[in-house]
């Protein structure tokens, strides 16, 4: 995730055990050895990953989308393409929610909000 955040480039890793950028803390984040219920993967192990940066339209960082452990083999270029499209939708939803919060916080008029949205 750190590599993607720094480079703002997608990352597709077929075998995380052979990638030096991978930190096993990801496995720990998805595991809870003290939990007796609710955690379906107490022995979680990340095997492959597809990470995509979430960027605002101006190119600034918004976040990272991470997919782990494709069921059948490594992630493909098609998977990366589909995730890129989904990330674009996520960014639009976040920007819309942010604009709505700004509208209610500042009591902008509808025309003011529309003008601001058109010039994001």
PDB file of N, CA and C in Angstrom:
ATOM      1  N   UNK A   1       0.836  -1.182   0.000  1.00  0.00           N
ATOM      2  CA  UNK A   1       0.000   0.000   0.000  1.00  0.00           C
ATOM      3  C   UNK A   1       0.884   1.250   0.000  1.00  0.00           C
ATOM      4  N   UNK A   2       1.966   1.212   0.748  1.00  0.00           N
ATOM      5  CA  UNK A   2       2.864   2.360   0.808  1.00  0.00           C
ATOM      6  C   UNK A   2       3.471   2.684  -0.540  1.00  0.00           C
ATOM      7  N   UNK A   3       3.835   1.639  -1.286  1.00  0.00           N
ATOM      8  CA  UNK A   3       4.407   1.856  -2.618  1.00  0.00           C
ATOM      9  C   UNK A   3       3.403   2.571  -3.515  1.00  0.00           C
ATOM     10  N   UNK A   4       2.165   2.137  -3.484  1.00  0.00           N
ATOM     11  CA  UNK A   4       1.124   2.745  -4.319  1.00  0.00           C
ATOM     12  C   UNK A   4       0.869   4.181  -3.874  1.00  0.00           C
ATOM     13  N   UNK A   5       0.867   4.418  -2.573  1.00  0.00           N
ATOM     14  CA  UNK A   5       0.653   5.777  -2.060  1.00  0.00           C
ATOM     15  C   UNK A   5       1.790   6.707  -2.480  1.00  0.00           C
ATOM     16  N   UNK A   6       3.014   6.214  -2.466  1.00  0.00           N
ATOM     17  CA  UNK A   6       4.159   7.047  -2.852  1.00  0.00           C
ATOM     18  C   UNK A   6       4.236   7.278  -4.352  1.00  0.00           C
ATOM     19  N   UNK A   7       4.015   6.209  -5.123  1.00  0.00           N
ATOM     20  CA  UNK A   7       4.172   6.309  -6.578  1.00  0.00           C
ATOM     21  C   UNK A   7       2.902   6.744  -7.283  1.00  0.00           C
ATOM     22  N   UNK A   8       1.754   6.586  -6.616  1.00  0.00           N
ATOM     23  CA  UNK A   8       0.437   6.841  -7.214  1.00  0.00           C
ATOM     24  C   UNK A   8       0.266   6.031  -8.499  1.00  0.00           C
ATOM     25  N   UNK A   9       0.852   4.838  -8.513  1.00  0.00           N
ATOM     26  CA  UNK A   9       0.744   3.932  -9.656  1.00  0.00           C
ATOM     27  C   UNK A   9       0.096   2.629  -9.187  1.00  0.00           C
ATOM     28  N   UNK A  10      -0.698   1.989 -10.045  1.00  0.00           N
ATOM     29  CA  UNK A  10      -1.289   0.705  -9.675  1.00  0.00           C
ATOM     30  C   UNK A  10      -0.199  -0.339  -9.436  1.00  0.00           C
ATOM     31  N   UNK A  11      -0.541  -1.351  -8.662  1.00  0.00           N
ATOM     32  CA  UNK A  11       0.405  -2.426  -8.376  1.00  0.00           C
ATOM     33  C   UNK A  11      -0.331  -3.751  -8.406  1.00  0.00           C
ATOM     34  N   UNK A  12       0.198  -4.689  -9.181  1.00  0.00           N
ATOM     35  CA  UNK A  12      -0.374  -6.024  -9.288  1.00  0.00           C
ATOM     36  C   UNK A  12       0.733  -7.012  -8.948  1.00  0.00           C
ATOM     37  N   UNK A  13       0.581  -7.706  -7.825  1.00  0.00           N
ATOM     38  CA  UNK A  13       1.605  -8.650  -7.370  1.00  0.00           C
ATOM     39  C   UNK A  13       1.004 -10.046  -7.328  1.00  0.00           C
ATOM     40  N   UNK A  14       1.578 -10.943  -8.124  1.00  0.00           N
ATOM     41  CA  UNK A  14       1.065 -12.308  -8.220  1.00  0.00           C
ATOM     42  C   UNK A  14       1.432 -13.160  -7.009  1.00  0.00           C
ATOM     43  N   UNK A  15       2.597 -12.922  -6.398  1.00  0.00           N
ATOM     44  CA  UNK A  15       3.049 -13.719  -5.260  1.00  0.00           C
ATOM     45  C   UNK A  15       3.666 -12.783  -4.218  1.00  0.00           C
ATOM     46  N   UNK A  16       2.891 -12.470  -3.199  1.00  0.00           N
ATOM     47  CA  UNK A  16       3.353 -11.523  -2.183  1.00  0.00           C
ATOM     48  C   UNK A  16       4.524 -12.057  -1.363  1.00  0.00           C
ATOM     49  N   UNK A  17       4.653 -13.372  -1.262  1.00  0.00           N
ATOM     50  CA  UNK A  17       5.762 -13.926  -0.480  1.00  0.00           C
ATOM     51  C   UNK A  17       7.109 -13.635  -1.122  1.00  0.00           C
ATOM     52  N   UNK A  18       7.115 -13.302  -2.405  1.00  0.00           N
ATOM     53  CA  UNK A  18       8.359 -13.006  -3.120  1.00  0.00           C
ATOM     54  C   UNK A  18       8.563 -11.516  -3.364  1.00  0.00           C
ATOM     55  N   UNK A  19       7.692 -10.683  -2.830  1.00  0.00           N
ATOM     56  CA  UNK A  19       7.778  -9.245  -3.067  1.00  0.00           C
ATOM     57  C   UNK A  19       8.267  -8.546  -1.807  1.00  0.00           C
ATOM     58  N   UNK A  20       9.383  -7.847  -1.921  1.00  0.00           N
ATOM     59  CA  UNK A  20       9.982  -7.195  -0.745  1.00  0.00           C
ATOM     60  C   UNK A  20       9.171  -5.995  -0.256  1.00  0.00           C
ATOM     61  N   UNK A  21       8.269  -5.469  -1.073  1.00  0.00           N
ATOM     62  CA  UNK A  21       7.455  -4.326  -0.656  1.00  0.00           C
ATOM     63  C   UNK A  21       6.339  -4.737   0.283  1.00  0.00           C
ATOM     64  N   UNK A  22       6.036  -6.025   0.350  1.00  0.00           N
ATOM     65  CA  UNK A  22       4.922  -6.507   1.159  1.00  0.00           C
ATOM     66  C   UNK A  22       5.338  -6.658   2.617  1.00  0.00           C
ATOM     67  N   UNK A  23       4.467  -6.197   3.515  1.00  0.00           N
ATOM     68  CA  UNK A  23       4.709  -6.314   4.947  1.00  0.00           C
ATOM     69  C   UNK A  23       3.676  -7.281   5.523  1.00  0.00           C
ATOM     70  N   UNK A  24       4.122  -8.249   6.273  1.00  0.00           N
ATOM     71  CA  UNK A  24       3.221  -9.264   6.839  1.00  0.00           C
ATOM     72  C   UNK A  24       2.209  -8.673   7.816  1.00  0.00           C
ATOM     73  N   UNK A  25       2.352  -7.409   8.170  1.00  0.00           N
ATOM     74  CA  UNK A  25       1.379  -6.780   9.057  1.00  0.00           C
ATOM     75  C   UNK A  25      -0.011  -6.769   8.417  1.00  0.00           C
ATOM     76  N   UNK A  26      -0.051  -6.839   7.071  1.00  0.00           N
ATOM     77  CA  UNK A  26      -1.343  -6.922   6.378  1.00  0.00           C
ATOM     78  C   UNK A  26      -2.070  -8.191   6.807  1.00  0.00           C
ATOM     79  N   UNK A  27      -1.341  -9.319   6.898  1.00  0.00           N
ATOM     80  CA  UNK A  27      -1.957 -10.558   7.361  1.00  0.00           C
ATOM     81  C   UNK A  27      -2.525 -10.379   8.762  1.00  0.00           C
ATOM     82  N   UNK A  28      -1.757  -9.733   9.625  1.00  0.00           N
ATOM     83  CA  UNK A  28      -2.196  -9.526  11.003  1.00  0.00           C
ATOM     84  C   UNK A  28      -3.433  -8.638  11.066  1.00  0.00           C
ATOM     85  N   UNK A  29      -3.524  -7.678  10.158  1.00  0.00           N
ATOM     86  CA  UNK A  29      -4.675  -6.772  10.158  1.00  0.00           C
ATOM     87  C   UNK A  29      -5.972  -7.499   9.835  1.00  0.00           C
ATOM     88  N   UNK A  30      -5.870  -8.593   9.080  1.00  0.00           N
ATOM     89  CA  UNK A  30      -7.068  -9.338   8.706  1.00  0.00           C
ATOM     90  C   UNK A  30      -7.297 -10.552   9.598  1.00  0.00           C
ATOM     91  N   UNK A  31      -6.450 -10.766  10.580  1.00  0.00           N
ATOM     92  CA  UNK A  31      -6.559 -11.908  11.483  1.00  0.00           C
ATOM     93  C   UNK A  31      -6.801 -11.415  12.904  1.00  0.00           C
ATOM     94  N   UNK A  32      -7.550 -12.186  13.641  1.00  0.00           N
ATOM     95  CA  UNK A  32      -7.760 -11.889  15.047  1.00  0.00           C
ATOM     96  C   UNK A  32      -7.720 -13.203  15.814  1.00  0.00           C
ATOM     97  N   UNK A  33      -6.524 -13.609  16.241  1.00  0.00           N
ATOM     98  CA  UNK A  33      -6.403 -14.910  16.907  1.00  0.00           C
ATOM     99  C   UNK A  33      -7.180 -14.998  18.215  1.00  0.00           C
ATOM    100  N   UNK A  34      -7.518 -13.881  18.839  1.00  0.00           N
ATOM    101  CA  UNK A  34      -8.261 -13.927  20.096  1.00  0.00           C
ATOM    102  C   UNK A  34      -9.765 -14.040  19.877  1.00  0.00           C
ATOM    103  N   UNK A  35     -10.206 -13.842  18.639  1.00  0.00           N
ATOM    104  CA  UNK A  35     -11.639 -13.880  18.352  1.00  0.00           C
ATOM    105  C   UNK A  35     -12.116 -15.320  18.184  1.00  0.00           C
ATOM    106  N   UNK A  36     -13.237 -15.643  18.811  1.00  0.00           N
ATOM    107  CA  UNK A  36     -13.807 -16.984  18.655  1.00  0.00           C
ATOM    108  C   UNK A  36     -14.981 -16.978  17.693  1.00  0.00           C
ATOM    109  N   UNK A  37     -15.467 -15.787  17.365  1.00  0.00           N
ATOM    110  CA  UNK A  37     -16.556 -15.689  16.406  1.00  0.00           C
ATOM    111  C   UNK A  37     -16.464 -14.367  15.659  1.00  0.00           C
ATOM    112  N   UNK A  38     -17.075 -14.321  14.518  1.00  0.00           N
ATOM    113  CA  UNK A  38     -17.107 -13.084  13.759  1.00  0.00           C
ATOM    114  C   UNK A  38     -15.950 -12.915  12.800  1.00  0.00           C
ATOM    115  N   UNK A  39     -14.822 -13.555  13.055  1.00  0.00           N
ATOM    116  CA  UNK A  39     -13.671 -13.460  12.149  1.00  0.00           C
ATOM    117  C   UNK A  39     -13.591 -14.751  11.350  1.00  0.00           C
ATOM    118  N   UNK A  40     -14.007 -14.709  10.071  1.00  0.00           N
ATOM    119  CA  UNK A  40     -14.033 -15.936   9.282  1.00  0.00           C
ATOM    120  C   UNK A  40     -12.648 -16.413   8.849  1.00  0.00           C
ATOM    121  N   UNK A  41     -11.603 -15.610   9.056  1.00  0.00           N
ATOM    122  CA  UNK A  41     -10.265 -15.963   8.581  1.00  0.00           C
ATOM    123  C   UNK A  41      -9.218 -15.758   9.671  1.00  0.00           C
ATOM    124  N   UNK A  42      -9.256 -16.572  10.738  1.00  0.00           N
ATOM    125  CA  UNK A  42      -8.288 -16.357  11.805  1.00  0.00           C
ATOM    126  C   UNK A  42      -6.843 -16.603  11.376  1.00  0.00           C
ATOM    127  N   UNK A  43      -6.645 -17.389  10.344  1.00  0.00           N
ATOM    128  CA  UNK A  43      -5.294 -17.672   9.849  1.00  0.00           C
ATOM    129  C   UNK A  43      -5.090 -17.055   8.482  1.00  0.00           C
ATOM    130  N   UNK A  44      -5.523 -15.822   8.310  1.00  0.00           N
ATOM    131  CA  UNK A  44      -5.459 -15.159   7.013  1.00  0.00           C
ATOM    132  C   UNK A  44      -4.024 -15.023   6.529  1.00  0.00           C
ATOM    133  N   UNK A  45      -3.814 -15.301   5.243  1.00  0.00           N
ATOM    134  CA  UNK A  45      -2.517 -15.097   4.612  1.00  0.00           C
ATOM    135  C   UNK A  45      -2.743 -14.456   3.249  1.00  0.00           C
ATOM    136  N   UNK A  46      -2.190 -13.269   3.057  1.00  0.00           N
ATOM    137  CA  UNK A  46      -2.308 -12.585   1.769  1.00  0.00           C
ATOM    138  C   UNK A  46      -1.370 -13.265   0.778  1.00  0.00           C
ATOM    139  N   UNK A  47      -1.932 -13.683  -0.353  1.00  0.00           N
ATOM    140  CA  UNK A  47      -1.138 -14.401  -1.352  1.00  0.00           C
ATOM    141  C   UNK A  47      -0.842 -13.539  -2.578  1.00  0.00           C
ATOM    142  N   UNK A  48      -1.839 -12.812  -3.051  1.00  0.00           N
ATOM    143  CA  UNK A  48      -1.637 -11.914  -4.189  1.00  0.00           C
ATOM    144  C   UNK A  48      -2.426 -10.637  -3.937  1.00  0.00           C
ATOM    145  N   UNK A  49      -2.069  -9.579  -4.657  1.00  0.00           N
ATOM    146  CA  UNK A  49      -2.691  -8.290  -4.383  1.00  0.00           C
ATOM    147  C   UNK A  49      -2.797  -7.450  -5.643  1.00  0.00           C
ATOM    148  N   UNK A  50      -3.837  -6.634  -5.652  1.00  0.00           N
ATOM    149  CA  UNK A  50      -4.030  -5.623  -6.686  1.00  0.00           C
ATOM    150  C   UNK A  50      -4.392  -4.341  -5.950  1.00  0.00           C
ATOM    151  N   UNK A  51      -3.549  -3.324  -6.109  1.00  0.00           N
ATOM    152  CA  UNK A  51      -3.779  -2.051  -5.416  1.00  0.00           C
ATOM    153  C   UNK A  51      -3.865  -0.932  -6.441  1.00  0.00           C
ATOM    154  N   UNK A  52      -4.783  -0.022  -6.209  1.00  0.00           N
ATOM    155  CA  UNK A  52      -5.037   1.069  -7.150  1.00  0.00           C
ATOM    156  C   UNK A  52      -5.160   2.376  -6.367  1.00  0.00           C
ATOM    157  N   UNK A  53      -4.469   3.421  -6.823  1.00  0.00           N
ATOM    158  CA  UNK A  53      -4.615   4.705  -6.139  1.00  0.00           C
ATOM    159  C   UNK A  53      -5.975   5.330  -6.442  1.00  0.00           C
ATOM    160  N   UNK A  54      -6.516   6.020  -5.473  1.00  0.00           N
ATOM    161  CA  UNK A  54      -7.726   6.813  -5.670  1.00  0.00           C
ATOM    162  C   UNK A  54      -7.264   8.258  -5.773  1.00  0.00           C
ATOM    163  N   UNK A  55      -7.533   8.878  -6.918  1.00  0.00           N
ATOM    164  CA  UNK A  55      -7.068  10.245  -7.154  1.00  0.00           C
ATOM    165  C   UNK A  55      -8.228  11.167  -7.452  1.00  0.00           C
ATOM    166  N   UNK A  56      -8.134  12.382  -6.922  1.00  0.00           N
ATOM    167  CA  UNK A  56      -9.072  13.429  -7.309  1.00  0.00           C
ATOM    168  C   UNK A  56      -8.790  13.806  -8.759  1.00  0.00           C
ATOM    169  N   UNK A  57      -9.711  14.529  -9.385  1.00  0.00           N
ATOM    170  CA  UNK A  57      -9.530  14.886 -10.801  1.00  0.00           C
ATOM    171  C   UNK A  57      -8.289  15.742 -11.023  1.00  0.00           C
ATOM    172  N   UNK A  58      -7.805  16.405  -9.972  1.00  0.00           N
ATOM    173  CA  UNK A  58      -6.590  17.217 -10.110  1.00  0.00           C
ATOM    174  C   UNK A  58      -5.320  16.399  -9.899  1.00  0.00           C
ATOM    175  N   UNK A  59      -5.477  15.083  -9.670  1.00  0.00           N
ATOM    176  CA  UNK A  59      -4.335  14.198  -9.506  1.00  0.00           C
ATOM    177  C   UNK A  59      -3.900  13.991  -8.070  1.00  0.00           C
ATOM    178  N   UNK A  60      -4.469  14.756  -7.138  1.00  0.00           N
ATOM    179  CA  UNK A  60      -4.074  14.611  -5.736  1.00  0.00           C
ATOM    180  C   UNK A  60      -4.603  13.296  -5.159  1.00  0.00           C
ATOM    181  N   UNK A  61      -3.904  12.800  -4.159  1.00  0.00           N
ATOM    182  CA  UNK A  61      -4.239  11.503  -3.555  1.00  0.00           C
ATOM    183  C   UNK A  61      -5.492  11.595  -2.699  1.00  0.00           C
ATOM    184  N   UNK A  62      -6.353  10.605  -2.848  1.00  0.00           N
ATOM    185  CA  UNK A  62      -7.553  10.500  -2.027  1.00  0.00           C
ATOM    186  C   UNK A  62      -7.470   9.256  -1.141  1.00  0.00           C
ATOM    187  N   UNK A  63      -6.818   8.208  -1.653  1.00  0.00           N
ATOM    188  CA  UNK A  63      -6.707   6.962  -0.901  1.00  0.00           C
ATOM    189  C   UNK A  63      -6.180   5.848  -1.783  1.00  0.00           C
ATOM    190  N   UNK A  64      -6.264   4.633  -1.261  1.00  0.00           N
ATOM    191  CA  UNK A  64      -5.812   3.440  -1.970  1.00  0.00           C
ATOM    192  C   UNK A  64      -6.899   2.384  -1.865  1.00  0.00           C
ATOM    193  N   UNK A  65      -7.158   1.692  -2.960  1.00  0.00           N
ATOM    194  CA  UNK A  65      -8.069   0.547  -2.962  1.00  0.00           C
ATOM    195  C   UNK A  65      -7.197  -0.704  -3.065  1.00  0.00           C
ATOM    196  N   UNK A  66      -7.404  -1.652  -2.173  1.00  0.00           N
ATOM    197  CA  UNK A  66      -6.592  -2.863  -2.125  1.00  0.00           C
ATOM    198  C   UNK A  66      -7.478  -4.090  -2.214  1.00  0.00           C
ATOM    199  N   UNK A  67      -7.149  -4.966  -3.135  1.00  0.00           N
ATOM    200  CA  UNK A  67      -7.830  -6.262  -3.248  1.00  0.00           C
ATOM    201  C   UNK A  67      -6.791  -7.340  -2.984  1.00  0.00           C
ATOM    202  N   UNK A  68      -7.176  -8.327  -2.185  1.00  0.00           N
ATOM    203  CA  UNK A  68      -6.265  -9.409  -1.830  1.00  0.00           C
ATOM    204  C   UNK A  68      -6.864 -10.765  -2.192  1.00  0.00           C
ATOM    205  N   UNK A  69      -6.001 -11.690  -2.568  1.00  0.00           N
ATOM    206  CA  UNK A  69      -6.332 -13.103  -2.722  1.00  0.00           C
ATOM    207  C   UNK A  69      -7.456 -13.401  -3.708  1.00  0.00           C
ATOM    208  N   UNK A  70      -7.168 -13.183  -4.971  1.00  0.00           N
ATOM    209  CA  UNK A  70      -8.119 -13.608  -5.998  1.00  0.00           C
ATOM    210  C   UNK A  70      -8.299 -15.122  -5.875  1.00  0.00           C
ATOM    211  N   UNK A  71      -9.504 -15.572  -6.019  1.00  0.00           N
ATOM    212  CA  UNK A  71      -9.792 -16.993  -5.810  1.00  0.00           C
ATOM    213  C   UNK A  71      -9.094 -17.912  -6.804  1.00  0.00           C
ATOM    214  N   UNK A  72      -9.023 -17.496  -8.052  1.00  0.00           N
ATOM    215  CA  UNK A  72      -8.447 -18.366  -9.085  1.00  0.00           C
ATOM    216  C   UNK A  72      -7.236 -17.692  -9.719  1.00  0.00           C
ATOM    217  N   UNK A  73      -6.060 -17.923  -9.157  1.00  0.00           N
ATOM    218  CA  UNK A  73      -4.839 -17.387  -9.742  1.00  0.00           C
ATOM    219  C   UNK A  73      -4.615 -15.931  -9.422  1.00  0.00           C
ATOM    220  N   UNK A  74      -3.621 -15.335 -10.064  1.00  0.00           N
ATOM    221  CA  UNK A  74      -3.295 -13.924  -9.817  1.00  0.00           C
ATOM    222  C   UNK A  74      -4.298 -13.000 -10.506  1.00  0.00           C
ATOM    223  N   UNK A  75      -4.256 -11.732 -10.118  1.00  0.00           N
ATOM    224  CA  UNK A  75      -5.105 -10.724 -10.747  1.00  0.00           C
ATOM    225  C   UNK A  75      -4.613 -10.468 -12.167  1.00  0.00           C
ATOM    226  N   UNK A  76      -5.541 -10.270 -13.073  1.00  0.00           N
ATOM    227  CA  UNK A  76      -5.211 -10.062 -14.487  1.00  0.00           C
ATOM    228  C   UNK A  76      -5.251  -8.578 -14.846  1.00  0.00           C
ATOM    229  N   UNK A  77      -4.830  -8.272 -16.065  1.00  0.00           N
ATOM    230  CA  UNK A  77      -4.941  -6.895 -16.561  1.00  0.00           C
ATOM    231  C   UNK A  77      -6.409  -6.472 -16.633  1.00  0.00           C
ATOM    232  N   UNK A  78      -7.284  -7.418 -16.963  1.00  0.00           N
ATOM    233  CA  UNK A  78      -8.718  -7.120 -16.987  1.00  0.00           C
ATOM    234  C   UNK A  78      -9.205  -6.748 -15.591  1.00  0.00           C
ATOM    235  N   UNK A  79      -8.743  -7.483 -14.570  1.00  0.00           N
ATOM    236  CA  UNK A  79      -9.098  -7.148 -13.186  1.00  0.00           C
ATOM    237  C   UNK A  79      -8.654  -5.731 -12.847  1.00  0.00           C
ATOM    238  N   UNK A  80      -7.426  -5.395 -13.261  1.00  0.00           N
ATOM    239  CA  UNK A  80      -6.894  -4.054 -12.996  1.00  0.00           C
ATOM    240  C   UNK A  80      -7.735  -2.992 -13.699  1.00  0.00           C
ATOM    241  N   UNK A  81      -8.122  -3.270 -14.932  1.00  0.00           N
ATOM    242  CA  UNK A  81      -8.959  -2.324 -15.679  1.00  0.00           C
ATOM    243  C   UNK A  81     -10.305  -2.120 -14.977  1.00  0.00           C
ATOM    244  N   UNK A  82     -10.932  -3.214 -14.559  1.00  0.00           N
ATOM    245  CA  UNK A  82     -12.230  -3.111 -13.886  1.00  0.00           C
ATOM    246  C   UNK A  82     -12.111  -2.391 -12.541  1.00  0.00           C
ATOM    247  N   UNK A  83     -11.033  -2.663 -11.807  1.00  0.00           N
ATOM    248  CA  UNK A  83     -10.839  -1.977 -10.536  1.00  0.00           C
ATOM    249  C   UNK A  83     -10.616  -0.487 -10.765  1.00  0.00           C
ATOM    250  N   UNK A  84      -9.880  -0.143 -11.817  1.00  0.00           N
ATOM    251  CA  UNK A  84      -9.652   1.280 -12.140  1.00  0.00           C
ATOM    252  C   UNK A  84     -10.990   1.984 -12.380  1.00  0.00           C
ATOM    253  N   UNK A  85     -11.888   1.335 -13.111  1.00  0.00           N
ATOM    254  CA  UNK A  85     -13.212   1.919 -13.366  1.00  0.00           C
ATOM    255  C   UNK A  85     -14.004   2.076 -12.067  1.00  0.00           C
ATOM    256  N   UNK A  86     -13.956   1.066 -11.216  1.00  0.00           N
ATOM    257  CA  UNK A  86     -14.669   1.145  -9.940  1.00  0.00           C
ATOM    258  C   UNK A  86     -14.094   2.248  -9.054  1.00  0.00           C
ATOM    259  N   UNK A  87     -12.771   2.404  -9.094  1.00  0.00           N
ATOM    260  CA  UNK A  87     -12.127   3.468  -8.304  1.00  0.00           C
ATOM    261  C   UNK A  87     -12.591   4.842  -8.762  1.00  0.00           C
ATOM    262  N   UNK A  88     -12.800   5.000 -10.057  1.00  0.00           N
ATOM    263  CA  UNK A  88     -13.314   6.276 -10.564  1.00  0.00           C
ATOM    264  C   UNK A  88     -14.686   6.565  -9.983  1.00  0.00           C
ATOM    265  N   UNK A  89     -15.525   5.532  -9.860  1.00  0.00           N
ATOM    266  CA  UNK A  89     -16.846   5.708  -9.260  1.00  0.00           C
ATOM    267  C   UNK A  89     -16.729   6.063  -7.781  1.00  0.00           C
ATOM    268  N   UNK A  90     -15.823   5.411  -7.085  1.00  0.00           N
ATOM    269  CA  UNK A  90     -15.621   5.702  -5.664  1.00  0.00           C
ATOM    270  C   UNK A  90     -15.209   7.162  -5.481  1.00  0.00           C
ATOM    271  N   UNK A  91     -14.287   7.633  -6.305  1.00  0.00           N
ATOM    272  CA  UNK A  91     -13.832   9.029  -6.205  1.00  0.00           C
ATOM    273  C   UNK A  91     -15.002   9.978  -6.429  1.00  0.00           C
ATOM    274  N   UNK A  92     -15.822   9.697  -7.430  1.00  0.00           N
ATOM    275  CA  UNK A  92     -16.987  10.557  -7.689  1.00  0.00           C
ATOM    276  C   UNK A  92     -17.939  10.578  -6.491  1.00  0.00           C
ATOM    277  N   UNK A  93     -18.149   9.423  -5.882  1.00  0.00           N
ATOM    278  CA  UNK A  93     -19.044   9.370  -4.721  1.00  0.00           C
ATOM    279  C   UNK A  93     -18.463  10.147  -3.544  1.00  0.00           C
ATOM    280  N   UNK A  94     -17.158  10.014  -3.320  1.00  0.00           N
ATOM    281  CA  UNK A  94     -16.524  10.741  -2.220  1.00  0.00           C
ATOM    282  C   UNK A  94     -16.597  12.241  -2.473  1.00  0.00           C
ATOM    283  N   UNK A  95     -16.323  12.659  -3.696  1.00  0.00           N
ATOM    284  CA  UNK A  95     -16.387  14.085  -4.025  1.00  0.00           C
ATOM    285  C   UNK A  95     -17.803  14.627  -3.879  1.00  0.00           C
ATOM    286  N   UNK A  96     -18.786  13.840  -4.289  1.00  0.00           N
ATOM    287  CA  UNK A  96     -20.185  14.270  -4.157  1.00  0.00           C
ATOM    288  C   UNK A  96     -20.574  14.390  -2.692  1.00  0.00           C
ATOM    289  N   UNK A  97     -20.191  13.393  -1.896  1.00  0.00           N
ATOM    290  CA  UNK A  97     -20.502  13.454  -0.465  1.00  0.00           C
ATOM    291  C   UNK A  97     -19.817  14.646   0.180  1.00  0.00           C
ATOM    292  N   UNK A  98     -18.579  14.895  -0.200  1.00  0.00           N
ATOM    293  CA  UNK A  98     -17.845  16.035   0.338  1.00  0.00           C
ATOM    294  C   UNK A  98     -18.517  17.352  -0.046  1.00  0.00           C
ATOM    295  N   UNK A  99     -18.945  17.433  -1.295  1.00  0.00           N
ATOM    296  CA  UNK A  99     -19.626  18.648  -1.749  1.00  0.00           C
ATOM    297  C   UNK A  99     -20.933  18.846  -0.992  1.00  0.00           C
ATOM    298  N   UNK A 100     -21.661  17.759  -0.746  1.00  0.00           N
ATOM    299  CA  UNK A 100     -22.905  17.861   0.006  1.00  0.00           C
ATOM    300  C   UNK A 100     -22.648  18.328   1.430  1.00  0.00           C
ATOM    301  N   UNK A 101     -21.607  17.799   2.059  1.00  0.00           N
ATOM    302  CA  UNK A 101     -21.279  18.234   3.416  1.00  0.00           C
ATOM    303  C   UNK A 101     -20.905  19.704   3.438  1.00  0.00           C
ATOM    304  N   UNK A 102     -20.134  20.124   2.437  1.00  0.00           N
ATOM    305  CA  UNK A 102     -19.748  21.532   2.356  1.00  0.00           C
ATOM    306  C   UNK A 102     -20.979  22.407   2.185  1.00  0.00           C
ATOM    307  N   UNK A 103     -21.899  21.967   1.336  1.00  0.00           N
ATOM    308  CA  UNK A 103     -23.136  22.734   1.106  1.00  0.00           C
ATOM    309  C   UNK A 103     -23.893  22.942   2.413  1.00  0.00           C
ATOM    310  N   UNK A 104     -24.074  21.853   3.169  1.00  0.00           N
ATOM    311  CA  UNK A 104     -24.837  21.961   4.403  1.00  0.00           C
ATOM    312  C   UNK A 104     -24.069  22.723   5.480  1.00  0.00           C
ATOM    313  N   UNK A 105     -22.752  22.599   5.473  1.00  0.00           N
ATOM    314  CA  UNK A 105     -21.949  23.290   6.491  1.00  0.00           C
ATOM    315  C   UNK A 105     -21.892  24.793   6.237  1.00  0.00           C
ATOM    316  N   UNK A 106     -21.881  25.197   4.965  1.00  0.00           N
ATOM    317  CA  UNK A 106     -21.742  26.615   4.650  1.00  0.00           C
ATOM    318  C   UNK A 106     -23.048  27.276   4.261  1.00  0.00           C
ATOM    319  N   UNK A 107     -24.104  26.469   4.129  1.00  0.00           N
ATOM    320  CA  UNK A 107     -25.397  26.967   3.699  1.00  0.00           C
ATOM    321  C   UNK A 107     -25.315  27.665   2.343  1.00  0.00           C
ATOM    322  N   UNK A 108     -24.501  27.088   1.448  1.00  0.00           N
ATOM    323  CA  UNK A 108     -24.427  27.625   0.090  1.00  0.00           C
ATOM    324  C   UNK A 108     -25.790  27.500  -0.574  1.00  0.00           C
ATOM    325  N   UNK A 109     -26.028  28.360  -1.514  1.00  0.00           N
ATOM    326  CA  UNK A 109     -27.236  28.207  -2.320  1.00  0.00           C
ATOM    327  C   UNK A 109     -26.977  27.099  -3.337  1.00  0.00           C
ATOM    328  N   UNK A 110     -28.008  26.563  -3.902  1.00  0.00           N
ATOM    329  CA  UNK A 110     -27.857  25.508  -4.908  1.00  0.00           C
ATOM    330  C   UNK A 110     -27.025  25.989  -6.094  1.00  0.00           C
ATOM    331  N   UNK A 111     -27.268  27.185  -6.642  1.00  0.00           N
ATOM    332  CA  UNK A 111     -26.399  27.644  -7.744  1.00  0.00           C
ATOM    333  C   UNK A 111     -24.927  27.766  -7.335  1.00  0.00           C
ATOM    334  N   UNK A 112     -24.669  28.209  -6.102  1.00  0.00           N
ATOM    335  CA  UNK A 112     -23.275  28.304  -5.636  1.00  0.00           C
ATOM    336  C   UNK A 112     -22.629  26.920  -5.558  1.00  0.00           C
ATOM    337  N   UNK A 113     -23.377  25.961  -5.051  1.00  0.00           N
ATOM    338  CA  UNK A 113     -22.854  24.596  -4.957  1.00  0.00           C
ATOM    339  C   UNK A 113     -22.596  24.033  -6.346  1.00  0.00           C
ATOM    340  N   UNK A 114     -23.531  24.222  -7.278  1.00  0.00           N
ATOM    341  CA  UNK A 114     -23.351  23.721  -8.638  1.00  0.00           C
ATOM    342  C   UNK A 114     -22.138  24.364  -9.301  1.00  0.00           C
ATOM    343  N   UNK A 115     -21.949  25.654  -9.108  1.00  0.00           N
ATOM    344  CA  UNK A 115     -20.799  26.341  -9.678  1.00  0.00           C
ATOM    345  C   UNK A 115     -19.502  25.751  -9.119  1.00  0.00           C
ATOM    346  N   UNK A 116     -19.469  25.540  -7.790  1.00  0.00           N
ATOM    347  CA  UNK A 116     -18.276  24.995  -7.161  1.00  0.00           C
ATOM    348  C   UNK A 116     -18.002  23.569  -7.662  1.00  0.00           C
ATOM    349  N   UNK A 117     -19.033  22.762  -7.808  1.00  0.00           N
ATOM    350  CA  UNK A 117     -18.861  21.398  -8.296  1.00  0.00           C
ATOM    351  C   UNK A 117     -18.330  21.375  -9.727  1.00  0.00           C
ATOM    352  N   UNK A 118     -18.777  22.315 -10.533  1.00  0.00           N
ATOM    353  CA  UNK A 118     -18.313  22.371 -11.932  1.00  0.00           C
ATOM    354  C   UNK A 118     -16.862  22.785 -12.017  1.00  0.00           C
ATOM    355  N   UNK A 119     -16.343  23.398 -10.965  1.00  0.00           N
ATOM    356  CA  UNK A 119     -14.963  23.900 -10.983  1.00  0.00           C
ATOM    357  C   UNK A 119     -14.069  23.182  -9.981  1.00  0.00           C
ATOM    358  N   UNK A 120     -14.405  21.920  -9.652  1.00  0.00           N
ATOM    359  CA  UNK A 120     -13.561  21.122  -8.751  1.00  0.00           C
ATOM    360  C   UNK A 120     -12.248  20.793  -9.405  1.00  0.00           C
TER     361      UNK A 120
END
